[in-house]
Amino acid sequence: MKCDANTFAQMYEAVYKDLYRFALCIMRQTQDAEDAVSEAVILAYEHVHKLRNQEAFKSWIFTILSNVCKKKLMNRAGKDKPIEEYESAGQNDIGLPLEIKQAFFILSEEEQLIVALSVFGGYNSTEIGKIYGLNANTVRSKRKRALEKMGCVLNS
């Protein structure tokens, strides 16, 4: 797809809030989320010529961001602070009540990605399945179990 800077900026403007919320949910720190989104946007801009269809931009850039977040999490594995340190530092403000954030962070990384893509990205199970190479039914099952886990934490 041919895309100039203005077209890219318009497409990015339509999704930037969701990208940031997703990254913040996954990365847990404001600066890490901002870095992940910046890196994803740079990669997307450099490779936008590979995008075949402008309507697929949102899915495509979320996939890039998801991969960037996973890479960054793998690089810092074992160095992460407990969630309480992020909360007390005021680093994790995604506009959600503390109880929901804590429930979200008890999920595995895969469950967090699925729930975040579903909630913040607006993706359905088929789209999430394509991103991660999973069957849509598997995605639905994993999302349902993840939401049930969160429900247990929130209801206790």
N, C-alpha and C. Protein backbone atom coordinates (compact mmCIF):
# COMPACT_ATOMS: atom_id res chain seq x y z
N MET A 1 0.85 -1.17 0.00
CA MET A 1 0.00 0.00 0.00
C MET A 1 0.89 1.24 0.00
N LYS A 2 0.57 2.17 -0.83
CA LYS A 2 1.30 3.44 -0.82
C LYS A 2 0.66 4.32 0.25
N CYS A 3 1.52 4.95 1.04
CA CYS A 3 1.01 5.73 2.17
C CYS A 3 1.99 6.87 2.44
N ASP A 4 1.47 8.09 2.41
CA ASP A 4 2.32 9.23 2.75
C ASP A 4 2.22 9.49 4.26
N ALA A 5 3.02 10.42 4.73
CA ALA A 5 3.07 10.72 6.17
C ALA A 5 1.73 11.19 6.71
N ASN A 6 0.98 11.98 5.93
CA ASN A 6 -0.32 12.48 6.39
C ASN A 6 -1.33 11.35 6.54
N THR A 7 -1.36 10.43 5.59
CA THR A 7 -2.28 9.30 5.66
C THR A 7 -1.94 8.43 6.86
N PHE A 8 -0.65 8.16 7.06
CA PHE A 8 -0.22 7.36 8.21
C PHE A 8 -0.63 8.06 9.51
N ALA A 9 -0.42 9.35 9.59
CA ALA A 9 -0.77 10.11 10.80
C ALA A 9 -2.27 10.03 11.08
N GLN A 10 -3.09 10.10 10.04
CA GLN A 10 -4.54 10.00 10.22
C GLN A 10 -4.95 8.61 10.72
N MET A 11 -4.35 7.59 10.15
CA MET A 11 -4.66 6.22 10.59
C MET A 11 -4.21 6.02 12.03
N TYR A 12 -3.01 6.52 12.37
CA TYR A 12 -2.48 6.39 13.72
C TYR A 12 -3.33 7.16 14.72
N GLU A 13 -3.77 8.35 14.34
CA GLU A 13 -4.59 9.17 15.24
C GLU A 13 -5.88 8.46 15.65
N ALA A 14 -6.41 7.65 14.77
CA ALA A 14 -7.65 6.94 15.07
C ALA A 14 -7.47 5.84 16.11
N VAL A 15 -6.23 5.37 16.32
CA VAL A 15 -6.02 4.24 17.23
C VAL A 15 -5.03 4.50 18.37
N TYR A 16 -4.43 5.69 18.42
CA TYR A 16 -3.34 5.88 19.37
C TYR A 16 -3.75 5.70 20.83
N LYS A 17 -4.95 6.12 21.21
CA LYS A 17 -5.37 5.95 22.60
C LYS A 17 -5.50 4.48 22.97
N ASP A 18 -6.07 3.70 22.07
CA ASP A 18 -6.20 2.27 22.32
C ASP A 18 -4.83 1.59 22.36
N LEU A 19 -3.91 2.01 21.50
CA LEU A 19 -2.56 1.46 21.52
C LEU A 19 -1.89 1.73 22.87
N TYR A 20 -2.02 2.97 23.34
CA TYR A 20 -1.38 3.32 24.61
C TYR A 20 -2.01 2.54 25.77
N ARG A 21 -3.33 2.47 25.81
CA ARG A 21 -4.00 1.72 26.89
C ARG A 21 -3.56 0.25 26.88
N PHE A 22 -3.51 -0.32 25.70
CA PHE A 22 -3.08 -1.71 25.58
C PHE A 22 -1.65 -1.86 26.12
N ALA A 23 -0.76 -1.01 25.66
CA ALA A 23 0.64 -1.10 26.08
C ALA A 23 0.78 -0.88 27.59
N LEU A 24 0.03 0.05 28.13
CA LEU A 24 0.11 0.32 29.56
C LEU A 24 -0.41 -0.87 30.36
N CYS A 25 -1.44 -1.49 29.88
CA CYS A 25 -1.97 -2.68 30.54
C CYS A 25 -0.91 -3.78 30.56
N ILE A 26 -0.22 -3.96 29.48
CA ILE A 26 0.76 -5.04 29.37
C ILE A 26 2.07 -4.68 30.06
N MET A 27 2.56 -3.48 29.84
CA MET A 27 3.88 -3.08 30.34
C MET A 27 3.85 -2.61 31.80
N ARG A 28 2.72 -2.11 32.24
CA ARG A 28 2.49 -1.70 33.64
C ARG A 28 3.15 -0.40 34.06
N GLN A 29 4.01 0.17 33.27
CA GLN A 29 4.66 1.43 33.61
C GLN A 29 4.45 2.41 32.46
N THR A 30 4.19 3.65 32.82
CA THR A 30 3.93 4.68 31.82
C THR A 30 5.06 4.80 30.81
N GLN A 31 6.29 4.91 31.30
CA GLN A 31 7.42 5.10 30.39
C GLN A 31 7.62 3.89 29.49
N ASP A 32 7.47 2.68 30.04
CA ASP A 32 7.62 1.48 29.22
C ASP A 32 6.53 1.41 28.16
N ALA A 33 5.31 1.80 28.51
CA ALA A 33 4.21 1.78 27.55
C ALA A 33 4.46 2.80 26.45
N GLU A 34 4.90 3.99 26.83
CA GLU A 34 5.20 5.02 25.83
C GLU A 34 6.31 4.56 24.89
N ASP A 35 7.34 3.93 25.46
CA ASP A 35 8.45 3.43 24.64
C ASP A 35 7.97 2.36 23.67
N ALA A 36 7.12 1.45 24.16
CA ALA A 36 6.62 0.37 23.31
C ALA A 36 5.77 0.93 22.16
N VAL A 37 4.90 1.88 22.47
CA VAL A 37 4.07 2.48 21.42
C VAL A 37 4.95 3.22 20.42
N SER A 38 5.93 3.98 20.91
CA SER A 38 6.83 4.70 20.01
C SER A 38 7.57 3.75 19.08
N GLU A 39 8.09 2.68 19.66
CA GLU A 39 8.82 1.71 18.85
C GLU A 39 7.90 1.05 17.82
N ALA A 40 6.68 0.72 18.23
CA ALA A 40 5.73 0.10 17.31
C ALA A 40 5.35 1.04 16.18
N VAL A 41 5.16 2.31 16.49
CA VAL A 41 4.79 3.29 15.47
C VAL A 41 5.94 3.49 14.48
N ILE A 42 7.15 3.54 14.97
CA ILE A 42 8.30 3.67 14.08
C ILE A 42 8.40 2.46 13.15
N LEU A 43 8.26 1.27 13.73
CA LEU A 43 8.29 0.05 12.90
C LEU A 43 7.17 0.05 11.87
N ALA A 44 5.99 0.44 12.31
CA ALA A 44 4.84 0.47 11.39
C ALA A 44 5.08 1.46 10.26
N TYR A 45 5.60 2.62 10.60
CA TYR A 45 5.84 3.64 9.57
C TYR A 45 6.90 3.16 8.57
N GLU A 46 7.94 2.51 9.09
CA GLU A 46 9.00 2.01 8.22
C GLU A 46 8.51 0.90 7.28
N HIS A 47 7.48 0.16 7.72
CA HIS A 47 7.03 -0.99 6.95
C HIS A 47 5.60 -0.85 6.41
N VAL A 48 5.07 0.36 6.43
CA VAL A 48 3.69 0.56 5.99
C VAL A 48 3.49 0.14 4.53
N HIS A 49 4.55 0.16 3.77
CA HIS A 49 4.44 -0.28 2.37
C HIS A 49 4.06 -1.75 2.25
N LYS A 50 4.26 -2.53 3.32
CA LYS A 50 3.90 -3.95 3.32
C LYS A 50 2.41 -4.17 3.62
N LEU A 51 1.76 -3.15 4.13
CA LEU A 51 0.33 -3.25 4.44
C LEU A 51 -0.45 -3.20 3.14
N ARG A 52 -1.27 -4.21 2.91
CA ARG A 52 -2.00 -4.30 1.65
C ARG A 52 -3.28 -3.50 1.63
N ASN A 53 -3.90 -3.35 2.79
CA ASN A 53 -5.23 -2.76 2.84
C ASN A 53 -5.30 -1.78 4.01
N GLN A 54 -5.70 -0.57 3.75
CA GLN A 54 -5.78 0.46 4.79
C GLN A 54 -6.74 0.06 5.91
N GLU A 55 -7.78 -0.69 5.60
CA GLU A 55 -8.74 -1.11 6.62
C GLU A 55 -8.12 -2.07 7.63
N ALA A 56 -7.02 -2.70 7.27
CA ALA A 56 -6.34 -3.65 8.16
C ALA A 56 -5.31 -2.96 9.06
N PHE A 57 -5.20 -1.63 8.98
CA PHE A 57 -4.18 -0.90 9.73
C PHE A 57 -4.25 -1.17 11.23
N LYS A 58 -5.44 -1.10 11.80
CA LYS A 58 -5.58 -1.26 13.25
C LYS A 58 -5.08 -2.62 13.69
N SER A 59 -5.52 -3.65 13.05
CA SER A 59 -5.08 -5.01 13.39
C SER A 59 -3.58 -5.15 13.21
N TRP A 60 -3.08 -4.60 12.13
CA TRP A 60 -1.67 -4.71 11.80
C TRP A 60 -0.81 -4.00 12.84
N ILE A 61 -1.16 -2.78 13.22
CA ILE A 61 -0.33 -2.04 14.18
C ILE A 61 -0.47 -2.62 15.59
N PHE A 62 -1.63 -3.17 15.93
CA PHE A 62 -1.76 -3.84 17.23
C PHE A 62 -0.89 -5.08 17.27
N THR A 63 -0.77 -5.79 16.18
CA THR A 63 0.09 -6.95 16.12
C THR A 63 1.54 -6.54 16.34
N ILE A 64 1.94 -5.46 15.70
CA ILE A 64 3.30 -4.95 15.89
C ILE A 64 3.52 -4.56 17.34
N LEU A 65 2.57 -3.83 17.92
CA LEU A 65 2.69 -3.40 19.31
C LEU A 65 2.73 -4.60 20.25
N SER A 66 1.90 -5.57 20.01
CA SER A 66 1.89 -6.78 20.84
C SER A 66 3.25 -7.46 20.81
N ASN A 67 3.84 -7.56 19.64
CA ASN A 67 5.16 -8.18 19.52
C ASN A 67 6.24 -7.35 20.21
N VAL A 68 6.16 -6.04 20.10
CA VAL A 68 7.11 -5.16 20.78
C VAL A 68 6.99 -5.34 22.30
N CYS A 69 5.76 -5.36 22.80
CA CYS A 69 5.55 -5.54 24.24
C CYS A 69 6.10 -6.88 24.72
N LYS A 70 5.82 -7.93 23.97
CA LYS A 70 6.32 -9.26 24.35
C LYS A 70 7.85 -9.27 24.38
N LYS A 71 8.48 -8.65 23.39
CA LYS A 71 9.94 -8.60 23.33
C LYS A 71 10.49 -7.84 24.54
N LYS A 72 9.86 -6.71 24.86
CA LYS A 72 10.33 -5.92 26.00
C LYS A 72 10.13 -6.66 27.32
N LEU A 73 9.02 -7.37 27.45
CA LEU A 73 8.78 -8.14 28.67
C LEU A 73 9.80 -9.27 28.82
N MET A 74 10.13 -9.92 27.71
CA MET A 74 11.12 -11.00 27.76
C MET A 74 12.49 -10.45 28.16
N ASN A 75 12.81 -9.26 27.69
CA ASN A 75 14.10 -8.64 28.00
C ASN A 75 14.22 -8.23 29.47
N ARG A 76 13.12 -7.93 30.08
CA ARG A 76 13.19 -7.50 31.49
C ARG A 76 12.72 -8.58 32.46
N ALA A 77 12.51 -9.78 31.95
CA ALA A 77 12.04 -10.89 32.80
C ALA A 77 12.94 -11.03 34.03
N GLY A 78 12.29 -11.19 35.17
CA GLY A 78 13.02 -11.34 36.41
C GLY A 78 13.43 -10.03 37.06
N LYS A 79 13.25 -8.91 36.35
CA LYS A 79 13.65 -7.61 36.90
C LYS A 79 12.44 -6.78 37.31
N ASP A 80 11.24 -7.33 37.14
CA ASP A 80 10.02 -6.57 37.36
C ASP A 80 9.75 -6.36 38.85
N LYS A 81 9.21 -5.22 39.19
CA LYS A 81 8.81 -4.89 40.55
C LYS A 81 7.42 -5.47 40.81
N PRO A 82 7.08 -5.69 42.08
CA PRO A 82 5.70 -6.09 42.39
C PRO A 82 4.74 -4.96 42.01
N ILE A 83 3.49 -5.32 41.73
CA ILE A 83 2.49 -4.34 41.29
C ILE A 83 2.32 -3.22 42.31
N GLU A 84 2.46 -3.52 43.59
CA GLU A 84 2.27 -2.50 44.61
C GLU A 84 3.24 -1.34 44.42
N GLU A 85 4.45 -1.63 43.96
CA GLU A 85 5.42 -0.57 43.75
C GLU A 85 5.00 0.36 42.62
N TYR A 86 4.39 -0.21 41.57
CA TYR A 86 3.91 0.62 40.47
C TYR A 86 2.74 1.47 40.92
N GLU A 87 1.85 0.87 41.68
CA GLU A 87 0.67 1.60 42.15
C GLU A 87 1.08 2.73 43.07
N SER A 88 2.01 2.45 43.99
CA SER A 88 2.40 3.50 44.92
C SER A 88 3.18 4.60 44.23
N ALA A 89 3.82 4.26 43.13
CA ALA A 89 4.57 5.27 42.39
C ALA A 89 3.68 6.05 41.44
N GLY A 90 2.41 5.65 41.31
CA GLY A 90 1.49 6.34 40.43
C GLY A 90 1.83 6.13 38.96
N GLN A 91 2.49 5.02 38.65
CA GLN A 91 2.98 4.78 37.30
C GLN A 91 1.97 4.06 36.42
N ASN A 92 0.84 3.65 36.94
CA ASN A 92 -0.02 2.76 36.18
C ASN A 92 -1.43 3.30 36.04
N ASP A 93 -1.58 4.51 35.59
CA ASP A 93 -2.90 5.11 35.50
C ASP A 93 -3.49 4.92 34.11
N ILE A 94 -4.32 3.90 33.98
CA ILE A 94 -4.99 3.66 32.71
C ILE A 94 -6.47 3.93 32.85
N GLY A 95 -6.83 4.62 33.91
CA GLY A 95 -8.22 5.00 34.07
C GLY A 95 -9.10 3.88 34.59
N LEU A 96 -8.51 2.86 35.19
CA LEU A 96 -9.27 1.75 35.73
C LEU A 96 -9.13 1.73 37.25
N PRO A 97 -10.17 1.29 37.95
CA PRO A 97 -10.06 1.17 39.40
C PRO A 97 -8.95 0.18 39.79
N LEU A 98 -8.33 0.40 40.92
CA LEU A 98 -7.23 -0.42 41.40
C LEU A 98 -7.59 -1.90 41.44
N GLU A 99 -8.82 -2.23 41.84
CA GLU A 99 -9.23 -3.62 41.94
C GLU A 99 -9.19 -4.31 40.58
N ILE A 100 -9.59 -3.60 39.55
CA ILE A 100 -9.59 -4.18 38.20
C ILE A 100 -8.15 -4.37 37.73
N LYS A 101 -7.31 -3.39 38.00
CA LYS A 101 -5.90 -3.53 37.62
C LYS A 101 -5.27 -4.74 38.31
N GLN A 102 -5.53 -4.88 39.61
CA GLN A 102 -4.96 -6.01 40.34
C GLN A 102 -5.49 -7.33 39.80
N ALA A 103 -6.77 -7.38 39.48
CA ALA A 103 -7.34 -8.60 38.90
C ALA A 103 -6.71 -8.90 37.55
N PHE A 104 -6.48 -7.88 36.75
CA PHE A 104 -5.86 -8.06 35.43
C PHE A 104 -4.45 -8.62 35.57
N PHE A 105 -3.70 -8.15 36.55
CA PHE A 105 -2.30 -8.55 36.68
C PHE A 105 -2.12 -9.94 37.27
N ILE A 106 -3.19 -10.58 37.74
CA ILE A 106 -3.05 -11.97 38.18
C ILE A 106 -3.10 -12.93 36.99
N LEU A 107 -3.52 -12.42 35.84
CA LEU A 107 -3.61 -13.25 34.64
C LEU A 107 -2.22 -13.53 34.09
N SER A 108 -2.11 -14.65 33.37
CA SER A 108 -0.85 -14.95 32.68
C SER A 108 -0.64 -13.91 31.58
N GLU A 109 0.57 -13.87 31.04
CA GLU A 109 0.87 -12.92 29.97
C GLU A 109 -0.05 -13.14 28.77
N GLU A 110 -0.26 -14.40 28.40
CA GLU A 110 -1.13 -14.70 27.27
C GLU A 110 -2.56 -14.24 27.53
N GLU A 111 -3.06 -14.50 28.74
CA GLU A 111 -4.41 -14.07 29.09
C GLU A 111 -4.52 -12.55 29.08
N GLN A 112 -3.50 -11.86 29.57
CA GLN A 112 -3.51 -10.39 29.55
C GLN A 112 -3.58 -9.88 28.12
N LEU A 113 -2.79 -10.48 27.23
CA LEU A 113 -2.79 -10.05 25.83
C LEU A 113 -4.16 -10.26 25.20
N ILE A 114 -4.76 -11.41 25.44
CA ILE A 114 -6.07 -11.71 24.85
C ILE A 114 -7.13 -10.75 25.38
N VAL A 115 -7.16 -10.55 26.69
CA VAL A 115 -8.16 -9.65 27.28
C VAL A 115 -7.91 -8.22 26.81
N ALA A 116 -6.65 -7.78 26.80
CA ALA A 116 -6.35 -6.41 26.39
C ALA A 116 -6.70 -6.18 24.92
N LEU A 117 -6.38 -7.12 24.05
CA LEU A 117 -6.75 -6.96 22.64
C LEU A 117 -8.26 -6.92 22.47
N SER A 118 -8.95 -7.72 23.25
CA SER A 118 -10.41 -7.77 23.18
C SER A 118 -11.02 -6.47 23.70
N VAL A 119 -10.57 -6.02 24.85
CA VAL A 119 -11.16 -4.85 25.50
C VAL A 119 -10.68 -3.54 24.87
N PHE A 120 -9.37 -3.36 24.75
CA PHE A 120 -8.83 -2.10 24.26
C PHE A 120 -8.74 -2.04 22.75
N GLY A 121 -8.45 -3.18 22.16
CA GLY A 121 -8.31 -3.21 20.71
C GLY A 121 -9.62 -3.44 19.99
N GLY A 122 -10.61 -3.98 20.69
CA GLY A 122 -11.90 -4.25 20.08
C GLY A 122 -11.88 -5.44 19.13
N TYR A 123 -10.90 -6.31 19.30
CA TYR A 123 -10.78 -7.46 18.41
C TYR A 123 -11.71 -8.58 18.84
N ASN A 124 -12.20 -9.33 17.87
CA ASN A 124 -13.00 -10.51 18.19
C ASN A 124 -12.06 -11.72 18.23
N SER A 125 -12.59 -12.86 18.61
CA SER A 125 -11.76 -14.05 18.82
C SER A 125 -11.09 -14.53 17.53
N THR A 126 -11.75 -14.36 16.41
CA THR A 126 -11.15 -14.76 15.13
C THR A 126 -9.92 -13.91 14.83
N GLU A 127 -10.04 -12.60 15.02
CA GLU A 127 -8.93 -11.69 14.76
C GLU A 127 -7.77 -11.95 15.71
N ILE A 128 -8.07 -12.15 16.99
CA ILE A 128 -7.01 -12.44 17.98
C ILE A 128 -6.34 -13.77 17.63
N GLY A 129 -7.15 -14.74 17.21
CA GLY A 129 -6.60 -16.03 16.81
C GLY A 129 -5.62 -15.90 15.66
N LYS A 130 -5.94 -15.06 14.69
CA LYS A 130 -5.03 -14.84 13.55
C LYS A 130 -3.73 -14.21 14.02
N ILE A 131 -3.81 -13.29 14.96
CA ILE A 131 -2.61 -12.62 15.46
C ILE A 131 -1.67 -13.61 16.14
N TYR A 132 -2.24 -14.52 16.93
CA TYR A 132 -1.43 -15.44 17.73
C TYR A 132 -1.38 -16.87 17.19
N GLY A 133 -1.99 -17.09 16.04
CA GLY A 133 -1.97 -18.43 15.46
C GLY A 133 -2.78 -19.43 16.28
N LEU A 134 -3.89 -18.98 16.84
CA LEU A 134 -4.76 -19.83 17.64
C LEU A 134 -6.11 -19.98 16.97
N ASN A 135 -6.79 -21.05 17.27
CA ASN A 135 -8.15 -21.26 16.82
C ASN A 135 -9.06 -20.26 17.54
N ALA A 136 -10.07 -19.74 16.85
CA ALA A 136 -10.99 -18.77 17.47
C ALA A 136 -11.67 -19.34 18.71
N ASN A 137 -12.01 -20.64 18.68
CA ASN A 137 -12.63 -21.27 19.86
C ASN A 137 -11.68 -21.30 21.04
N THR A 138 -10.40 -21.52 20.77
CA THR A 138 -9.38 -21.50 21.83
C THR A 138 -9.28 -20.11 22.44
N VAL A 139 -9.31 -19.10 21.61
CA VAL A 139 -9.25 -17.72 22.10
C VAL A 139 -10.46 -17.44 22.98
N ARG A 140 -11.64 -17.84 22.53
CA ARG A 140 -12.85 -17.61 23.33
C ARG A 140 -12.75 -18.32 24.68
N SER A 141 -12.25 -19.54 24.69
CA SER A 141 -12.10 -20.29 25.95
C SER A 141 -11.11 -19.60 26.88
N LYS A 142 -9.99 -19.18 26.32
CA LYS A 142 -8.96 -18.52 27.14
C LYS A 142 -9.48 -17.18 27.68
N ARG A 143 -10.19 -16.44 26.84
CA ARG A 143 -10.75 -15.17 27.29
C ARG A 143 -11.78 -15.40 28.39
N LYS A 144 -12.64 -16.39 28.20
CA LYS A 144 -13.67 -16.68 29.20
C LYS A 144 -13.03 -17.07 30.53
N ARG A 145 -12.03 -17.95 30.49
CA ARG A 145 -11.35 -18.36 31.73
C ARG A 145 -10.64 -17.17 32.38
N ALA A 146 -10.03 -16.32 31.57
CA ALA A 146 -9.33 -15.15 32.11
C ALA A 146 -10.32 -14.21 32.80
N LEU A 147 -11.45 -13.97 32.15
CA LEU A 147 -12.46 -13.09 32.75
C LEU A 147 -13.06 -13.70 34.01
N GLU A 148 -13.20 -15.03 34.03
CA GLU A 148 -13.68 -15.70 35.24
C GLU A 148 -12.68 -15.55 36.38
N LYS A 149 -11.37 -15.67 36.07
CA LYS A 149 -10.33 -15.46 37.09
C LYS A 149 -10.43 -14.07 37.66
N MET A 150 -10.59 -13.10 36.76
CA MET A 150 -10.71 -11.71 37.22
C MET A 150 -11.95 -11.55 38.08
N GLY A 151 -13.04 -12.19 37.67
CA GLY A 151 -14.29 -12.12 38.43
C GLY A 151 -14.14 -12.68 39.83
N CYS A 152 -13.39 -13.78 39.95
CA CYS A 152 -13.16 -14.37 41.27
C CYS A 152 -12.41 -13.40 42.18
N VAL A 153 -11.41 -12.74 41.63
CA VAL A 153 -10.65 -11.78 42.42
C VAL A 153 -11.51 -10.59 42.81
N LEU A 154 -12.32 -10.12 41.87
CA LEU A 154 -13.15 -8.95 42.12
C LEU A 154 -14.30 -9.25 43.08
N ASN A 155 -14.76 -10.48 43.09
CA ASN A 155 -15.89 -10.86 43.96
C ASN A 155 -15.46 -11.34 45.32
N SER A 156 -14.15 -11.44 45.57
CA SER A 156 -13.70 -11.94 46.88
C SER A 156 -13.49 -10.82 47.86
